Amino acid sequence: MRGLIGFIVMIQGVMGFIGQVFFDHAWGLLPHWFELPSAAYAGVFAAGAALAVWGDAAKKRKAKQAGQTGAGAV
């Protein structure tokens, strides 16, 4: 779930940053609620990327632990 939410947050950050830097206004849902500078949208993207990586690492760790359970597990 963290990975999916992180991916959505990354998209919102990229859309806000690109829209604000290269076009006349930010895109996405965040500009409807907040008025953020371009650097904040880059931070939103970084937070989303960190959340997605954290979710992926947790998924891999869970799969690895599930593979180690059984009769021969240490």
PDB file of N, CA and C in Angstrom:
ATOM      1  N   MET A   1       0.818  -1.186   0.000  1.00  0.00           N
ATOM      2  CA  MET A   1       0.000   0.000   0.000  1.00  0.00           C
ATOM      3  C   MET A   1       0.873   1.266   0.000  1.00  0.00           C
ATOM      4  N   ARG A   2       2.002   1.199   0.727  1.00  0.00           N
ATOM      5  CA  ARG A   2       2.902   2.349   0.760  1.00  0.00           C
ATOM      6  C   ARG A   2       3.442   2.652  -0.626  1.00  0.00           C
ATOM      7  N   GLY A   3       3.729   1.603  -1.384  1.00  0.00           N
ATOM      8  CA  GLY A   3       4.268   1.798  -2.727  1.00  0.00           C
ATOM      9  C   GLY A   3       3.278   2.498  -3.636  1.00  0.00           C
ATOM     10  N   LEU A   4       2.022   2.114  -3.565  1.00  0.00           N
ATOM     11  CA  LEU A   4       0.984   2.732  -4.388  1.00  0.00           C
ATOM     12  C   LEU A   4       0.782   4.196  -4.005  1.00  0.00           C
ATOM     13  N   ILE A   5       0.700   4.469  -2.726  1.00  0.00           N
ATOM     14  CA  ILE A   5       0.538   5.847  -2.265  1.00  0.00           C
ATOM     15  C   ILE A   5       1.766   6.677  -2.650  1.00  0.00           C
ATOM     16  N   GLY A   6       2.954   6.096  -2.506  1.00  0.00           N
ATOM     17  CA  GLY A   6       4.172   6.785  -2.901  1.00  0.00           C
ATOM     18  C   GLY A   6       4.186   7.125  -4.380  1.00  0.00           C
ATOM     19  N   PHE A   7       3.709   6.200  -5.202  1.00  0.00           N
ATOM     20  CA  PHE A   7       3.653   6.431  -6.644  1.00  0.00           C
ATOM     21  C   PHE A   7       2.697   7.577  -6.973  1.00  0.00           C
ATOM     22  N   ILE A   8       1.552   7.613  -6.311  1.00  0.00           N
ATOM     23  CA  ILE A   8       0.577   8.685  -6.534  1.00  0.00           C
ATOM     24  C   ILE A   8       1.153  10.033  -6.090  1.00  0.00           C
ATOM     25  N   VAL A   9       1.836  10.053  -4.951  1.00  0.00           N
ATOM     26  CA  VAL A   9       2.452  11.288  -4.464  1.00  0.00           C
ATOM     27  C   VAL A   9       3.552  11.743  -5.420  1.00  0.00           C
ATOM     28  N   MET A  10       4.328  10.798  -5.955  1.00  0.00           N
ATOM     29  CA  MET A  10       5.365  11.149  -6.933  1.00  0.00           C
ATOM     30  C   MET A  10       4.744  11.809  -8.165  1.00  0.00           C
ATOM     31  N   ILE A  11       3.658  11.272  -8.653  1.00  0.00           N
ATOM     32  CA  ILE A  11       2.988  11.834  -9.828  1.00  0.00           C
ATOM     33  C   ILE A  11       2.512  13.256  -9.538  1.00  0.00           C
ATOM     34  N   GLN A  12       1.934  13.469  -8.351  1.00  0.00           N
ATOM     35  CA  GLN A  12       1.458  14.804  -7.999  1.00  0.00           C
ATOM     36  C   GLN A  12       2.627  15.801  -7.921  1.00  0.00           C
ATOM     37  N   GLY A  13       3.747  15.358  -7.371  1.00  0.00           N
ATOM     38  CA  GLY A  13       4.913  16.222  -7.282  1.00  0.00           C
ATOM     39  C   GLY A  13       5.473  16.585  -8.640  1.00  0.00           C
ATOM     40  N   VAL A  14       5.568  15.603  -9.526  1.00  0.00           N
ATOM     41  CA  VAL A  14       6.091  15.851 -10.881  1.00  0.00           C
ATOM     42  C   VAL A  14       5.148  16.758 -11.663  1.00  0.00           C
ATOM     43  N   MET A  15       3.860  16.491 -11.577  1.00  0.00           N
ATOM     44  CA  MET A  15       2.900  17.311 -12.314  1.00  0.00           C
ATOM     45  C   MET A  15       2.918  18.756 -11.816  1.00  0.00           C
ATOM     46  N   GLY A  16       3.008  18.947 -10.520  1.00  0.00           N
ATOM     47  CA  GLY A  16       3.068  20.295  -9.977  1.00  0.00           C
ATOM     48  C   GLY A  16       4.338  21.012 -10.378  1.00  0.00           C
ATOM     49  N   PHE A  17       5.463  20.315 -10.295  1.00  0.00           N
ATOM     50  CA  PHE A  17       6.751  20.928 -10.644  1.00  0.00           C
ATOM     51  C   PHE A  17       6.818  21.290 -12.121  1.00  0.00           C
ATOM     52  N   ILE A  18       6.505  20.341 -12.992  1.00  0.00           N
ATOM     53  CA  ILE A  18       6.582  20.593 -14.433  1.00  0.00           C
ATOM     54  C   ILE A  18       5.593  21.680 -14.847  1.00  0.00           C
ATOM     55  N   GLY A  19       4.387  21.617 -14.323  1.00  0.00           N
ATOM     56  CA  GLY A  19       3.394  22.619 -14.679  1.00  0.00           C
ATOM     57  C   GLY A  19       3.798  24.014 -14.238  1.00  0.00           C
ATOM     58  N   GLN A  20       4.385  24.114 -13.057  1.00  0.00           N
ATOM     59  CA  GLN A  20       4.743  25.428 -12.548  1.00  0.00           C
ATOM     60  C   GLN A  20       6.018  25.983 -13.190  1.00  0.00           C
ATOM     61  N   VAL A  21       6.972  25.121 -13.497  1.00  0.00           N
ATOM     62  CA  VAL A  21       8.234  25.587 -14.061  1.00  0.00           C
ATOM     63  C   VAL A  21       8.114  25.863 -15.562  1.00  0.00           C
ATOM     64  N   PHE A  22       7.497  24.968 -16.310  1.00  0.00           N
ATOM     65  CA  PHE A  22       7.480  25.090 -17.757  1.00  0.00           C
ATOM     66  C   PHE A  22       6.192  25.678 -18.328  1.00  0.00           C
ATOM     67  N   PHE A  23       5.141  25.737 -17.546  1.00  0.00           N
ATOM     68  CA  PHE A  23       3.860  26.277 -18.015  1.00  0.00           C
ATOM     69  C   PHE A  23       3.386  27.338 -17.028  1.00  0.00           C
ATOM     70  N   ASP A  24       2.190  27.836 -17.200  1.00  0.00           N
ATOM     71  CA  ASP A  24       1.759  28.976 -16.399  1.00  0.00           C
ATOM     72  C   ASP A  24       1.257  28.614 -15.000  1.00  0.00           C
ATOM     73  N   HIS A  25       0.848  27.373 -14.753  1.00  0.00           N
ATOM     74  CA  HIS A  25       0.357  27.003 -13.424  1.00  0.00           C
ATOM     75  C   HIS A  25       0.601  25.515 -13.167  1.00  0.00           C
ATOM     76  N   ALA A  26       0.566  25.135 -11.900  1.00  0.00           N
ATOM     77  CA  ALA A  26       0.814  23.741 -11.517  1.00  0.00           C
ATOM     78  C   ALA A  26      -0.379  22.873 -11.899  1.00  0.00           C
ATOM     79  N   TRP A  27      -0.109  21.607 -12.158  1.00  0.00           N
ATOM     80  CA  TRP A  27      -1.140  20.642 -12.513  1.00  0.00           C
ATOM     81  C   TRP A  27      -1.353  19.692 -11.353  1.00  0.00           C
ATOM     82  N   GLY A  28      -2.400  18.918 -11.413  1.00  0.00           N
ATOM     83  CA  GLY A  28      -2.660  17.899 -10.405  1.00  0.00           C
ATOM     84  C   GLY A  28      -3.686  18.350  -9.388  1.00  0.00           C
ATOM     85  N   LEU A  29      -3.785  17.587  -8.306  1.00  0.00           N
ATOM     86  CA  LEU A  29      -4.756  17.889  -7.255  1.00  0.00           C
ATOM     87  C   LEU A  29      -4.228  18.862  -6.208  1.00  0.00           C
ATOM     88  N   LEU A  30      -2.943  18.841  -5.939  1.00  0.00           N
ATOM     89  CA  LEU A  30      -2.388  19.689  -4.882  1.00  0.00           C
ATOM     90  C   LEU A  30      -2.642  21.183  -5.094  1.00  0.00           C
ATOM     91  N   PRO A  31      -2.551  21.714  -6.306  1.00  0.00           N
ATOM     92  CA  PRO A  31      -2.799  23.149  -6.481  1.00  0.00           C
ATOM     93  C   PRO A  31      -4.229  23.573  -6.139  1.00  0.00           C
ATOM     94  N   HIS A  32      -5.157  22.621  -6.106  1.00  0.00           N
ATOM     95  CA  HIS A  32      -6.530  22.953  -5.732  1.00  0.00           C
ATOM     96  C   HIS A  32      -6.639  23.260  -4.240  1.00  0.00           C
ATOM     97  N   TRP A  33      -5.731  22.700  -3.443  1.00  0.00           N
ATOM     98  CA  TRP A  33      -5.788  22.870  -1.992  1.00  0.00           C
ATOM     99  C   TRP A  33      -4.665  23.744  -1.440  1.00  0.00           C
ATOM    100  N   PHE A  34      -3.493  23.711  -2.061  1.00  0.00           N
ATOM    101  CA  PHE A  34      -2.321  24.420  -1.553  1.00  0.00           C
ATOM    102  C   PHE A  34      -1.660  25.217  -2.664  1.00  0.00           C
ATOM    103  N   GLU A  35      -1.053  26.322  -2.284  1.00  0.00           N
ATOM    104  CA  GLU A  35      -0.255  27.095  -3.223  1.00  0.00           C
ATOM    105  C   GLU A  35       1.207  26.915  -2.819  1.00  0.00           C
ATOM    106  N   LEU A  36       1.912  26.041  -3.535  1.00  0.00           N
ATOM    107  CA  LEU A  36       3.277  25.662  -3.182  1.00  0.00           C
ATOM    108  C   LEU A  36       4.284  26.203  -4.185  1.00  0.00           C
ATOM    109  N   PRO A  37       5.502  26.498  -3.741  1.00  0.00           N
ATOM    110  CA  PRO A  37       6.558  26.876  -4.688  1.00  0.00           C
ATOM    111  C   PRO A  37       7.097  25.640  -5.413  1.00  0.00           C
ATOM    112  N   SER A  38       7.861  25.866  -6.447  1.00  0.00           N
ATOM    113  CA  SER A  38       8.397  24.760  -7.256  1.00  0.00           C
ATOM    114  C   SER A  38       9.259  23.808  -6.438  1.00  0.00           C
ATOM    115  N   ALA A  39      10.041  24.346  -5.519  1.00  0.00           N
ATOM    116  CA  ALA A  39      10.911  23.499  -4.697  1.00  0.00           C
ATOM    117  C   ALA A  39      10.086  22.564  -3.817  1.00  0.00           C
ATOM    118  N   ALA A  40       8.928  23.006  -3.382  1.00  0.00           N
ATOM    119  CA  ALA A  40       8.068  22.150  -2.559  1.00  0.00           C
ATOM    120  C   ALA A  40       7.532  20.975  -3.381  1.00  0.00           C
ATOM    121  N   TYR A  41       7.225  21.218  -4.646  1.00  0.00           N
ATOM    122  CA  TYR A  41       6.783  20.115  -5.501  1.00  0.00           C
ATOM    123  C   TYR A  41       7.898  19.101  -5.720  1.00  0.00           C
ATOM    124  N   ALA A  42       9.126  19.578  -5.820  1.00  0.00           N
ATOM    125  CA  ALA A  42      10.264  18.653  -5.916  1.00  0.00           C
ATOM    126  C   ALA A  42      10.387  17.851  -4.621  1.00  0.00           C
ATOM    127  N   GLY A  43      10.129  18.482  -3.488  1.00  0.00           N
ATOM    128  CA  GLY A  43      10.144  17.777  -2.206  1.00  0.00           C
ATOM    129  C   GLY A  43       9.024  16.759  -2.099  1.00  0.00           C
ATOM    130  N   VAL A  44       7.850  17.083  -2.628  1.00  0.00           N
ATOM    131  CA  VAL A  44       6.732  16.138  -2.646  1.00  0.00           C
ATOM    132  C   VAL A  44       7.108  14.919  -3.483  1.00  0.00           C
ATOM    133  N   PHE A  45       7.755  15.161  -4.621  1.00  0.00           N
ATOM    134  CA  PHE A  45       8.220  14.043  -5.448  1.00  0.00           C
ATOM    135  C   PHE A  45       9.214  13.174  -4.684  1.00  0.00           C
ATOM    136  N   ALA A  46      10.167  13.806  -3.995  1.00  0.00           N
ATOM    137  CA  ALA A  46      11.171  13.047  -3.233  1.00  0.00           C
ATOM    138  C   ALA A  46      10.517  12.251  -2.107  1.00  0.00           C
ATOM    139  N   ALA A  47       9.533  12.833  -1.440  1.00  0.00           N
ATOM    140  CA  ALA A  47       8.824  12.110  -0.376  1.00  0.00           C
ATOM    141  C   ALA A  47       8.063  10.917  -0.949  1.00  0.00           C
ATOM    142  N   GLY A  48       7.452  11.096  -2.100  1.00  0.00           N
ATOM    143  CA  GLY A  48       6.747   9.989  -2.751  1.00  0.00           C
ATOM    144  C   GLY A  48       7.701   8.890  -3.184  1.00  0.00           C
ATOM    145  N   ALA A  49       8.865   9.284  -3.689  1.00  0.00           N
ATOM    146  CA  ALA A  49       9.864   8.289  -4.088  1.00  0.00           C
ATOM    147  C   ALA A  49      10.355   7.502  -2.876  1.00  0.00           C
ATOM    148  N   ALA A  50      10.594   8.198  -1.773  1.00  0.00           N
ATOM    149  CA  ALA A  50      11.031   7.511  -0.555  1.00  0.00           C
ATOM    150  C   ALA A  50       9.956   6.551  -0.057  1.00  0.00           C
ATOM    151  N   LEU A  51       8.707   6.964  -0.124  1.00  0.00           N
ATOM    152  CA  LEU A  51       7.604   6.098   0.304  1.00  0.00           C
ATOM    153  C   LEU A  51       7.483   4.876  -0.598  1.00  0.00           C
ATOM    154  N   ALA A  52       7.658   5.061  -1.897  1.00  0.00           N
ATOM    155  CA  ALA A  52       7.586   3.939  -2.833  1.00  0.00           C
ATOM    156  C   ALA A  52       8.739   2.957  -2.608  1.00  0.00           C
ATOM    157  N   VAL A  53       9.928   3.468  -2.384  1.00  0.00           N
ATOM    158  CA  VAL A  53      11.085   2.594  -2.121  1.00  0.00           C
ATOM    159  C   VAL A  53      10.901   1.851  -0.809  1.00  0.00           C
ATOM    160  N   TRP A  54      10.399   2.527   0.203  1.00  0.00           N
ATOM    161  CA  TRP A  54      10.143   1.894   1.505  1.00  0.00           C
ATOM    162  C   TRP A  54       9.120   0.765   1.352  1.00  0.00           C
ATOM    163  N   GLY A  55       8.050   1.012   0.592  1.00  0.00           N
ATOM    164  CA  GLY A  55       7.040  -0.021   0.374  1.00  0.00           C
ATOM    165  C   GLY A  55       7.584  -1.203  -0.399  1.00  0.00           C
ATOM    166  N   ASP A  56       8.416  -0.938  -1.396  1.00  0.00           N
ATOM    167  CA  ASP A  56       9.006  -2.020  -2.185  1.00  0.00           C
ATOM    168  C   ASP A  56       9.974  -2.848  -1.342  1.00  0.00           C
ATOM    169  N   ALA A  57      10.766  -2.171  -0.511  1.00  0.00           N
ATOM    170  CA  ALA A  57      11.708  -2.892   0.358  1.00  0.00           C
ATOM    171  C   ALA A  57      10.962  -3.751   1.366  1.00  0.00           C
ATOM    172  N   ALA A  58       9.856  -3.240   1.888  1.00  0.00           N
ATOM    173  CA  ALA A  58       9.058  -4.019   2.840  1.00  0.00           C
ATOM    174  C   ALA A  58       8.446  -5.243   2.167  1.00  0.00           C
ATOM    175  N   LYS A  59       8.008  -5.067   0.919  1.00  0.00           N
ATOM    176  CA  LYS A  59       7.431  -6.190   0.180  1.00  0.00           C
ATOM    177  C   LYS A  59       8.478  -7.271  -0.067  1.00  0.00           C
ATOM    178  N   LYS A  60       9.684  -6.852  -0.469  1.00  0.00           N
ATOM    179  CA  LYS A  60      10.766  -7.816  -0.714  1.00  0.00           C
ATOM    180  C   LYS A  60      11.179  -8.518   0.580  1.00  0.00           C
ATOM    181  N   ARG A  61      11.249  -7.747   1.679  1.00  0.00           N
ATOM    182  CA  ARG A  61      11.628  -8.332   2.965  1.00  0.00           C
ATOM    183  C   ARG A  61      10.578  -9.355   3.418  1.00  0.00           C
ATOM    184  N   LYS A  62       9.305  -9.041   3.198  1.00  0.00           N
ATOM    185  CA  LYS A  62       8.231  -9.947   3.578  1.00  0.00           C
ATOM    186  C   LYS A  62       8.275 -11.226   2.733  1.00  0.00           C
ATOM    187  N   ALA A  63       8.558 -11.079   1.439  1.00  0.00           N
ATOM    188  CA  ALA A  63       8.652 -12.245   0.563  1.00  0.00           C
ATOM    189  C   ALA A  63       9.846 -13.117   0.943  1.00  0.00           C
ATOM    190  N   LYS A  64      10.943 -12.465   1.318  1.00  0.00           N
ATOM    191  CA  LYS A  64      12.130 -13.221   1.728  1.00  0.00           C
ATOM    192  C   LYS A  64      11.876 -13.989   3.015  1.00  0.00           C
ATOM    193  N   GLN A  65      11.172 -13.361   3.958  1.00  0.00           N
ATOM    194  CA  GLN A  65      10.853 -14.038   5.219  1.00  0.00           C
ATOM    195  C   GLN A  65       9.876 -15.179   4.994  1.00  0.00           C
ATOM    196  N   ALA A  66       8.923 -15.002   4.078  1.00  0.00           N
ATOM    197  CA  ALA A  66       7.973 -16.063   3.786  1.00  0.00           C
ATOM    198  C   ALA A  66       8.676 -17.255   3.127  1.00  0.00           C
ATOM    199  N   GLY A  67       9.706 -16.989   2.339  1.00  0.00           N
ATOM    200  CA  GLY A  67      10.462 -18.060   1.692  1.00  0.00           C
ATOM    201  C   GLY A  67      11.356 -18.819   2.665  1.00  0.00           C
ATOM    202  N   GLN A  68      11.685 -18.215   3.796  1.00  0.00           N
ATOM    203  CA  GLN A  68      12.569 -18.853   4.773  1.00  0.00           C
ATOM    204  C   GLN A  68      11.808 -19.635   5.836  1.00  0.00           C
ATOM    205  N   THR A  69      10.500 -19.546   5.861  1.00  0.00           N
ATOM    206  CA  THR A  69       9.751 -20.320   6.844  1.00  0.00           C
ATOM    207  C   THR A  69       9.557 -21.729   6.347  1.00  0.00           C
ATOM    208  N   GLY A  70       9.384 -22.638   7.246  1.00  0.00           N
ATOM    209  CA  GLY A  70       9.188 -24.041   6.893  1.00  0.00           C
ATOM    210  C   GLY A  70      10.046 -24.930   7.749  1.00  0.00           C
ATOM    211  N   ALA A  71      10.161 -26.204   7.359  1.00  0.00           N
ATOM    212  CA  ALA A  71      10.877 -27.193   8.160  1.00  0.00           C
ATOM    213  C   ALA A  71      12.378 -26.927   8.214  1.00  0.00           C
ATOM    214  N   GLY A  72      12.956 -26.417   7.144  1.00  0.00           N
ATOM    215  CA  GLY A  72      14.404 -26.217   7.110  1.00  0.00           C
ATOM    216  C   GLY A  72      14.842 -24.829   7.482  1.00  0.00           C
ATOM    217  N   ALA A  73      13.934 -23.969   7.934  1.00  0.00           N
ATOM    218  CA  ALA A  73      14.280 -22.590   8.257  1.00  0.00           C
ATOM    219  C   ALA A  73      15.062 -22.508   9.542  1.00  0.00           C
ATOM    220  N   VAL A  74      15.947 -21.559   9.585  1.00  0.00           N
ATOM    221  CA  VAL A  74      16.759 -21.340  10.783  1.00  0.00           C
ATOM    222  C   VAL A  74      16.147 -20.257  11.620  1.00  0.00           C
TER     223      VAL A  74
END
